Amino acid sequence: MDSSHIRAVVDSFYADIWNRHDKSRISALLGDHFTFRGSLGQAKVGHEEFASYVDFVHSVLAGYRCDIVDLVIEDSKAFARMRFSGIHRGEFFGYQPTGKPVEWPGAALFSFDGEKVADLWVLGDVHGLLQLLENNANG
């Protein structure tokens, strides 16, 4: 697998699907039986379930962004160190909206099958995010 292709897919995954909230790119980038495991407590299989998850995140975090800090590619896998951010506008982890910015680091492991992403495992610093939500709610 060509590393430039993997880089382009990962870049588009974040820039288009997440940052632009353009779900029309899902079928072009993700395999038909795509699996997603995220640290926000969500495990999703297939395009429809993943699209619903994207909508959920955008509904609770305005201007939601995923920024790639580092990207390492080896064979048919890519590992990204990430920064996630947005404005807290909906109930999130039991916290009512504050209108305040939230940001937390994370990591993502992409596994490819052919030209598309077959599996994605994401781990974010949920503990740090919960502390920030608590501080924002009380201050």
N, C-alpha and C. Protein backbone atom coordinates (compact mmCIF):
# COMPACT_ATOMS: atom_id res chain seq x y z
N MET A 1 0.85 -1.18 0.00
CA MET A 1 0.00 0.00 0.00
C MET A 1 0.89 1.24 0.00
N ASP A 2 0.56 2.19 -0.80
CA ASP A 2 1.31 3.42 -0.97
C ASP A 2 1.07 4.36 0.22
N SER A 3 2.13 4.79 0.89
CA SER A 3 1.97 5.64 2.07
C SER A 3 1.35 6.99 1.73
N SER A 4 1.58 7.50 0.52
CA SER A 4 0.97 8.78 0.15
C SER A 4 -0.55 8.64 0.03
N HIS A 5 -1.03 7.48 -0.42
CA HIS A 5 -2.47 7.24 -0.48
C HIS A 5 -3.06 7.19 0.94
N ILE A 6 -2.39 6.47 1.83
CA ILE A 6 -2.87 6.38 3.21
C ILE A 6 -2.92 7.77 3.84
N ARG A 7 -1.87 8.56 3.65
CA ARG A 7 -1.84 9.92 4.19
C ARG A 7 -3.00 10.75 3.64
N ALA A 8 -3.26 10.65 2.35
CA ALA A 8 -4.36 11.42 1.74
C ALA A 8 -5.71 11.00 2.32
N VAL A 9 -5.91 9.71 2.54
CA VAL A 9 -7.18 9.22 3.10
C VAL A 9 -7.34 9.71 4.54
N VAL A 10 -6.30 9.59 5.35
CA VAL A 10 -6.38 10.04 6.75
C VAL A 10 -6.62 11.55 6.80
N ASP A 11 -5.90 12.31 5.98
CA ASP A 11 -6.11 13.76 5.93
C ASP A 11 -7.54 14.10 5.55
N SER A 12 -8.07 13.44 4.53
CA SER A 12 -9.44 13.69 4.09
C SER A 12 -10.46 13.25 5.13
N PHE A 13 -10.19 12.14 5.80
CA PHE A 13 -11.09 11.66 6.86
C PHE A 13 -11.31 12.75 7.89
N TYR A 14 -10.24 13.37 8.35
CA TYR A 14 -10.38 14.42 9.36
C TYR A 14 -10.84 15.75 8.76
N ALA A 15 -10.23 16.17 7.66
CA ALA A 15 -10.57 17.47 7.08
C ALA A 15 -12.00 17.52 6.57
N ASP A 16 -12.43 16.47 5.90
CA ASP A 16 -13.75 16.48 5.27
C ASP A 16 -14.85 15.96 6.19
N ILE A 17 -14.72 14.71 6.64
CA ILE A 17 -15.80 14.10 7.43
C ILE A 17 -15.96 14.81 8.76
N TRP A 18 -14.86 15.05 9.45
CA TRP A 18 -14.97 15.64 10.79
C TRP A 18 -14.97 17.16 10.76
N ASN A 19 -13.97 17.79 10.21
CA ASN A 19 -13.86 19.25 10.31
C ASN A 19 -14.90 19.99 9.47
N ARG A 20 -15.25 19.44 8.31
CA ARG A 20 -16.28 20.07 7.47
C ARG A 20 -17.65 19.44 7.66
N HIS A 21 -17.70 18.37 8.45
CA HIS A 21 -18.95 17.62 8.71
C HIS A 21 -19.59 17.20 7.38
N ASP A 22 -18.74 16.70 6.47
CA ASP A 22 -19.18 16.28 5.13
C ASP A 22 -19.26 14.75 5.09
N LYS A 23 -20.43 14.24 5.42
CA LYS A 23 -20.61 12.78 5.49
C LYS A 23 -20.66 12.14 4.11
N SER A 24 -20.74 12.93 3.04
CA SER A 24 -20.75 12.36 1.69
C SER A 24 -19.42 11.67 1.37
N ARG A 25 -18.37 11.96 2.11
CA ARG A 25 -17.05 11.35 1.88
C ARG A 25 -16.90 9.99 2.54
N ILE A 26 -17.85 9.61 3.39
CA ILE A 26 -17.73 8.35 4.14
C ILE A 26 -17.55 7.16 3.21
N SER A 27 -18.40 7.02 2.20
CA SER A 27 -18.32 5.83 1.33
C SER A 27 -17.05 5.81 0.49
N ALA A 28 -16.47 6.97 0.21
CA ALA A 28 -15.23 7.02 -0.57
C ALA A 28 -14.00 6.63 0.25
N LEU A 29 -14.06 6.84 1.57
CA LEU A 29 -12.89 6.65 2.41
C LEU A 29 -12.94 5.40 3.29
N LEU A 30 -14.15 4.95 3.62
CA LEU A 30 -14.31 3.86 4.58
C LEU A 30 -14.89 2.63 3.91
N GLY A 31 -14.35 1.46 4.24
CA GLY A 31 -14.85 0.21 3.69
C GLY A 31 -16.29 -0.05 4.10
N ASP A 32 -16.97 -0.92 3.36
CA ASP A 32 -18.38 -1.21 3.61
C ASP A 32 -18.65 -1.74 5.01
N HIS A 33 -17.71 -2.48 5.57
CA HIS A 33 -17.89 -3.07 6.90
C HIS A 33 -16.98 -2.39 7.93
N PHE A 34 -16.74 -1.11 7.71
CA PHE A 34 -15.90 -0.30 8.59
C PHE A 34 -16.31 -0.44 10.05
N THR A 35 -15.32 -0.61 10.92
CA THR A 35 -15.57 -0.65 12.36
C THR A 35 -14.84 0.50 13.03
N PHE A 36 -15.50 1.09 14.02
CA PHE A 36 -14.98 2.25 14.74
C PHE A 36 -15.14 2.01 16.23
N ARG A 37 -14.05 2.18 16.95
CA ARG A 37 -14.08 2.11 18.42
C ARG A 37 -13.50 3.41 18.94
N GLY A 38 -14.33 4.18 19.65
CA GLY A 38 -13.89 5.47 20.16
C GLY A 38 -13.92 5.53 21.67
N SER A 39 -13.20 6.49 22.22
CA SER A 39 -13.11 6.62 23.67
C SER A 39 -14.30 7.34 24.27
N LEU A 40 -15.21 7.84 23.44
CA LEU A 40 -16.42 8.47 23.97
C LEU A 40 -17.50 7.43 24.23
N GLY A 41 -17.10 6.15 24.29
CA GLY A 41 -18.02 5.08 24.64
C GLY A 41 -18.79 4.54 23.46
N GLN A 42 -18.34 4.82 22.28
CA GLN A 42 -19.09 4.43 21.09
C GLN A 42 -18.32 3.39 20.28
N ALA A 43 -18.98 2.29 19.96
CA ALA A 43 -18.46 1.31 19.00
C ALA A 43 -19.47 1.27 17.87
N LYS A 44 -19.02 1.48 16.66
CA LYS A 44 -19.91 1.58 15.50
C LYS A 44 -19.43 0.65 14.40
N VAL A 45 -20.40 0.10 13.66
CA VAL A 45 -20.10 -0.76 12.52
C VAL A 45 -20.88 -0.24 11.32
N GLY A 46 -20.18 -0.02 10.23
CA GLY A 46 -20.84 0.41 8.99
C GLY A 46 -20.96 1.92 8.87
N HIS A 47 -21.28 2.34 7.67
CA HIS A 47 -21.35 3.76 7.34
C HIS A 47 -22.44 4.49 8.11
N GLU A 48 -23.62 3.90 8.19
CA GLU A 48 -24.76 4.58 8.81
C GLU A 48 -24.52 4.83 10.30
N GLU A 49 -24.05 3.82 11.01
CA GLU A 49 -23.79 4.00 12.44
C GLU A 49 -22.70 5.04 12.67
N PHE A 50 -21.66 5.01 11.84
CA PHE A 50 -20.59 5.98 11.99
C PHE A 50 -21.09 7.39 11.68
N ALA A 51 -21.90 7.55 10.64
CA ALA A 51 -22.44 8.87 10.28
C ALA A 51 -23.28 9.43 11.43
N SER A 52 -24.03 8.58 12.10
CA SER A 52 -24.83 9.02 13.26
C SER A 52 -23.92 9.50 14.38
N TYR A 53 -22.81 8.83 14.58
CA TYR A 53 -21.85 9.23 15.61
C TYR A 53 -21.25 10.60 15.27
N VAL A 54 -20.89 10.81 14.01
CA VAL A 54 -20.35 12.11 13.58
C VAL A 54 -21.37 13.21 13.89
N ASP A 55 -22.64 12.95 13.57
CA ASP A 55 -23.70 13.93 13.85
C ASP A 55 -23.82 14.21 15.35
N PHE A 56 -23.75 13.15 16.16
CA PHE A 56 -23.84 13.32 17.62
C PHE A 56 -22.74 14.24 18.13
N VAL A 57 -21.50 13.97 17.73
CA VAL A 57 -20.38 14.78 18.21
C VAL A 57 -20.56 16.23 17.80
N HIS A 58 -20.96 16.47 16.55
CA HIS A 58 -21.17 17.84 16.09
C HIS A 58 -22.36 18.50 16.79
N SER A 59 -23.32 17.71 17.24
CA SER A 59 -24.48 18.30 17.93
C SER A 59 -24.11 18.80 19.33
N VAL A 60 -23.12 18.21 19.96
CA VAL A 60 -22.74 18.63 21.31
C VAL A 60 -21.52 19.54 21.33
N LEU A 61 -20.74 19.55 20.25
CA LEU A 61 -19.54 20.39 20.18
C LEU A 61 -19.56 21.21 18.89
N ALA A 62 -19.89 22.49 19.02
CA ALA A 62 -19.90 23.39 17.86
C ALA A 62 -18.47 23.58 17.36
N GLY A 63 -18.34 23.72 16.05
CA GLY A 63 -17.03 23.95 15.48
C GLY A 63 -16.04 22.84 15.78
N TYR A 64 -16.56 21.61 15.93
CA TYR A 64 -15.71 20.48 16.30
C TYR A 64 -14.59 20.30 15.28
N ARG A 65 -13.37 20.11 15.80
CA ARG A 65 -12.20 19.91 14.95
C ARG A 65 -11.37 18.75 15.44
N CYS A 66 -10.75 18.10 14.48
CA CYS A 66 -9.76 17.06 14.73
C CYS A 66 -8.49 17.50 14.00
N ASP A 67 -7.46 17.79 14.74
CA ASP A 67 -6.21 18.24 14.14
C ASP A 67 -5.13 17.17 14.32
N ILE A 68 -4.50 16.81 13.21
CA ILE A 68 -3.42 15.82 13.24
C ILE A 68 -2.15 16.52 13.72
N VAL A 69 -1.58 16.03 14.81
CA VAL A 69 -0.34 16.57 15.35
C VAL A 69 0.85 15.83 14.74
N ASP A 70 0.76 14.50 14.69
CA ASP A 70 1.78 13.64 14.10
C ASP A 70 1.09 12.51 13.37
N LEU A 71 1.70 12.03 12.30
CA LEU A 71 1.15 10.90 11.55
C LEU A 71 2.29 9.97 11.15
N VAL A 72 2.18 8.71 11.55
CA VAL A 72 3.18 7.69 11.21
C VAL A 72 2.48 6.60 10.42
N ILE A 73 3.07 6.21 9.30
CA ILE A 73 2.47 5.20 8.42
C ILE A 73 3.44 4.04 8.28
N GLU A 74 2.90 2.83 8.45
CA GLU A 74 3.70 1.63 8.25
C GLU A 74 2.81 0.55 7.64
N ASP A 75 3.24 0.02 6.51
CA ASP A 75 2.46 -0.99 5.78
C ASP A 75 1.04 -0.47 5.56
N SER A 76 0.04 -1.20 6.02
CA SER A 76 -1.36 -0.80 5.79
C SER A 76 -1.99 -0.17 7.03
N LYS A 77 -1.16 0.45 7.86
CA LYS A 77 -1.65 1.10 9.08
C LYS A 77 -1.12 2.52 9.17
N ALA A 78 -1.91 3.36 9.84
CA ALA A 78 -1.48 4.73 10.13
C ALA A 78 -1.82 5.02 11.59
N PHE A 79 -0.91 5.69 12.26
CA PHE A 79 -1.10 6.09 13.65
C PHE A 79 -1.01 7.60 13.70
N ALA A 80 -2.04 8.23 14.26
CA ALA A 80 -2.07 9.69 14.33
C ALA A 80 -2.17 10.15 15.78
N ARG A 81 -1.32 11.09 16.15
CA ARG A 81 -1.49 11.79 17.43
C ARG A 81 -2.38 12.98 17.13
N MET A 82 -3.44 13.13 17.92
CA MET A 82 -4.51 14.05 17.58
C MET A 82 -4.75 15.11 18.66
N ARG A 83 -5.42 16.19 18.23
CA ARG A 83 -5.97 17.19 19.14
C ARG A 83 -7.43 17.39 18.71
N PHE A 84 -8.35 17.16 19.64
CA PHE A 84 -9.78 17.32 19.39
C PHE A 84 -10.25 18.58 20.11
N SER A 85 -11.17 19.34 19.48
CA SER A 85 -11.63 20.57 20.12
C SER A 85 -13.00 20.97 19.60
N GLY A 86 -13.66 21.81 20.38
CA GLY A 86 -14.96 22.35 19.99
C GLY A 86 -15.51 23.22 21.10
N ILE A 87 -16.71 23.74 20.87
CA ILE A 87 -17.41 24.57 21.85
C ILE A 87 -18.55 23.73 22.42
N HIS A 88 -18.59 23.60 23.72
CA HIS A 88 -19.57 22.74 24.41
C HIS A 88 -20.97 23.36 24.31
N ARG A 89 -21.81 22.81 23.40
CA ARG A 89 -23.14 23.37 23.17
C ARG A 89 -24.29 22.40 23.44
N GLY A 90 -23.99 21.17 23.80
CA GLY A 90 -25.03 20.18 24.09
C GLY A 90 -24.60 19.31 25.25
N GLU A 91 -25.55 18.59 25.85
CA GLU A 91 -25.20 17.73 26.98
C GLU A 91 -24.14 16.73 26.54
N PHE A 92 -23.09 16.66 27.35
CA PHE A 92 -21.92 15.87 26.99
C PHE A 92 -21.37 15.24 28.26
N PHE A 93 -21.32 13.92 28.31
CA PHE A 93 -20.88 13.20 29.50
C PHE A 93 -21.66 13.64 30.74
N GLY A 94 -22.93 13.99 30.54
CA GLY A 94 -23.77 14.41 31.65
C GLY A 94 -23.65 15.87 32.03
N TYR A 95 -22.78 16.61 31.36
CA TYR A 95 -22.61 18.03 31.64
C TYR A 95 -23.47 18.86 30.69
N GLN A 96 -24.20 19.80 31.27
CA GLN A 96 -25.01 20.71 30.48
C GLN A 96 -24.09 21.66 29.71
N PRO A 97 -24.57 22.20 28.58
CA PRO A 97 -23.73 23.08 27.76
C PRO A 97 -23.27 24.32 28.52
N THR A 98 -22.02 24.68 28.30
CA THR A 98 -21.46 25.88 28.93
C THR A 98 -21.12 26.96 27.91
N GLY A 99 -21.06 26.60 26.63
CA GLY A 99 -20.63 27.56 25.62
C GLY A 99 -19.13 27.82 25.65
N LYS A 100 -18.41 27.04 26.44
CA LYS A 100 -16.97 27.24 26.58
C LYS A 100 -16.20 26.24 25.70
N PRO A 101 -14.98 26.63 25.30
CA PRO A 101 -14.18 25.71 24.48
C PRO A 101 -13.67 24.52 25.29
N VAL A 102 -13.58 23.40 24.62
CA VAL A 102 -12.96 22.20 25.19
C VAL A 102 -11.93 21.68 24.20
N GLU A 103 -10.89 21.10 24.73
CA GLU A 103 -9.82 20.54 23.89
C GLU A 103 -9.18 19.39 24.66
N TRP A 104 -8.86 18.32 23.94
CA TRP A 104 -8.19 17.19 24.58
C TRP A 104 -7.36 16.45 23.54
N PRO A 105 -6.27 15.83 23.99
CA PRO A 105 -5.42 15.06 23.07
C PRO A 105 -5.95 13.65 22.90
N GLY A 106 -5.47 13.00 21.85
CA GLY A 106 -5.85 11.62 21.62
C GLY A 106 -4.93 10.97 20.60
N ALA A 107 -5.26 9.74 20.27
CA ALA A 107 -4.50 8.97 19.29
C ALA A 107 -5.46 8.11 18.49
N ALA A 108 -5.12 7.86 17.25
CA ALA A 108 -5.97 7.06 16.37
C ALA A 108 -5.11 6.07 15.59
N LEU A 109 -5.60 4.84 15.51
CA LEU A 109 -4.93 3.80 14.72
C LEU A 109 -5.86 3.38 13.59
N PHE A 110 -5.45 3.66 12.36
CA PHE A 110 -6.21 3.31 11.16
C PHE A 110 -5.65 2.02 10.59
N SER A 111 -6.52 1.08 10.25
CA SER A 111 -6.13 -0.14 9.54
C SER A 111 -6.83 -0.15 8.20
N PHE A 112 -6.07 -0.35 7.14
CA PHE A 112 -6.61 -0.32 5.79
C PHE A 112 -6.79 -1.73 5.24
N ASP A 113 -7.80 -1.88 4.40
CA ASP A 113 -8.01 -3.09 3.60
C ASP A 113 -8.18 -2.58 2.18
N GLY A 114 -7.18 -2.77 1.36
CA GLY A 114 -7.21 -2.18 0.03
C GLY A 114 -7.03 -0.68 0.14
N GLU A 115 -7.86 0.06 -0.57
CA GLU A 115 -7.73 1.52 -0.64
C GLU A 115 -8.48 2.25 0.47
N LYS A 116 -9.26 1.53 1.27
CA LYS A 116 -10.14 2.19 2.25
C LYS A 116 -9.82 1.77 3.68
N VAL A 117 -10.28 2.59 4.61
CA VAL A 117 -10.12 2.29 6.03
C VAL A 117 -11.08 1.17 6.41
N ALA A 118 -10.55 0.11 7.00
CA ALA A 118 -11.37 -1.02 7.44
C ALA A 118 -11.72 -0.91 8.92
N ASP A 119 -10.79 -0.37 9.70
CA ASP A 119 -11.00 -0.30 11.15
C ASP A 119 -10.30 0.94 11.69
N LEU A 120 -10.94 1.56 12.67
CA LEU A 120 -10.34 2.72 13.32
C LEU A 120 -10.55 2.61 14.82
N TRP A 121 -9.46 2.73 15.54
CA TRP A 121 -9.47 2.69 17.00
C TRP A 121 -8.98 4.05 17.47
N VAL A 122 -9.78 4.75 18.28
CA VAL A 122 -9.43 6.08 18.76
C VAL A 122 -9.44 6.09 20.28
N LEU A 123 -8.40 6.64 20.86
CA LEU A 123 -8.33 6.77 22.31
C LEU A 123 -8.02 8.23 22.63
N GLY A 124 -8.96 8.88 23.30
CA GLY A 124 -8.76 10.26 23.72
C GLY A 124 -8.55 10.33 25.22
N ASP A 125 -7.99 11.44 25.68
CA ASP A 125 -7.78 11.66 27.11
C ASP A 125 -9.11 12.06 27.74
N VAL A 126 -9.97 11.07 27.96
CA VAL A 126 -11.30 11.33 28.51
C VAL A 126 -11.20 11.86 29.93
N HIS A 127 -10.24 11.39 30.70
CA HIS A 127 -10.08 11.89 32.07
C HIS A 127 -9.83 13.40 32.06
N GLY A 128 -8.91 13.84 31.21
CA GLY A 128 -8.62 15.27 31.09
C GLY A 128 -9.83 16.04 30.59
N LEU A 129 -10.57 15.46 29.64
CA LEU A 129 -11.78 16.11 29.13
C LEU A 129 -12.82 16.26 30.23
N LEU A 130 -13.02 15.22 31.02
CA LEU A 130 -13.99 15.28 32.12
C LEU A 130 -13.59 16.34 33.15
N GLN A 131 -12.31 16.45 33.44
CA GLN A 131 -11.85 17.49 34.36
C GLN A 131 -12.15 18.88 33.80
N LEU A 132 -11.91 19.07 32.51
CA LEU A 132 -12.19 20.35 31.88
C LEU A 132 -13.68 20.66 31.90
N LEU A 133 -14.52 19.67 31.58
CA LEU A 133 -15.97 19.88 31.62
C LEU A 133 -16.42 20.25 33.03
N GLU A 134 -15.86 19.59 34.03
CA GLU A 134 -16.18 19.89 35.44
C GLU A 134 -15.77 21.32 35.79
N ASN A 135 -14.55 21.70 35.43
CA ASN A 135 -14.07 23.06 35.70
C ASN A 135 -14.93 24.10 34.99
N ASN A 136 -15.29 23.83 33.74
CA ASN A 136 -16.12 24.77 32.99
C ASN A 136 -17.50 24.90 33.60
N ALA A 137 -18.05 23.80 34.11
CA ALA A 137 -19.39 23.81 34.70
C ALA A 137 -19.41 24.58 36.02
N ASN A 138 -18.28 24.59 36.71
CA ASN A 138 -18.23 25.22 38.04
C ASN A 138 -17.50 26.56 38.06
N GLY A 139 -17.12 27.04 36.91
CA GLY A 139 -16.35 28.27 36.98
C GLY A 139 -16.58 29.15 35.84
